[in-house]
Amino acid sequence: MTSYKIRGTRSGQRLGNSRRAAATVETAMLIPLLILVSLGATDVAQYINLAQSITNAARHGARFAARDTTLTVEEVELEVERVFGELFPQCTEEDLESALIIEVADLEGVMISSGMLGDISSGDPVSVQVKFDFDAIRWLKGWEYFGFELVQSKAIGRRE
């Protein structure tokens, strides 16, 4: 019985080249998918970071509004804007002001007018709600795959 074996470098090279070509095609197909997944994960992480920052800013604003020395809503707004300026130094002041909404309300949820914060009695709750447009700091601007427009958080403090 005769056994046929393919010997030589030519057939071995052909099989090796074929496998390398398949690996190249597979890599070329997977790289765009991996890039998309990485960009999506980065965007989600950025959203989570913003949500935590907004929660911290709302808490800070509520603590600031609860002080008996804070008499106007403008003081609370300036303090929250200052906190955002420190959190996002890469954004211009105009961008932050256009993307940031700060609402100060009393126990019933009625918005407090600008100079009326000093009229709230000691022990009464004051709520500070902070809303921020995610696109203002987003790296992937223009992608609307999540539908997130405003990220918001609310914190309540009691007047001293």
Foldseek 3Di string as FASTA:
>chain_A
DDDDDDDDDPVVVVVVVVVVVVVVVVCVVCVVVVVVVVLVVVQVVLVVVVLVLQQVLQAVLQVVLQELVDFFVVVSVVSSLVSVCVVCVVADSVLFVVFKDKFKAWPVRHTDDTRHSNVDDFFTKIKIKMKGASQSPGPDHPDCPPVDGIRMDMDMDGHD
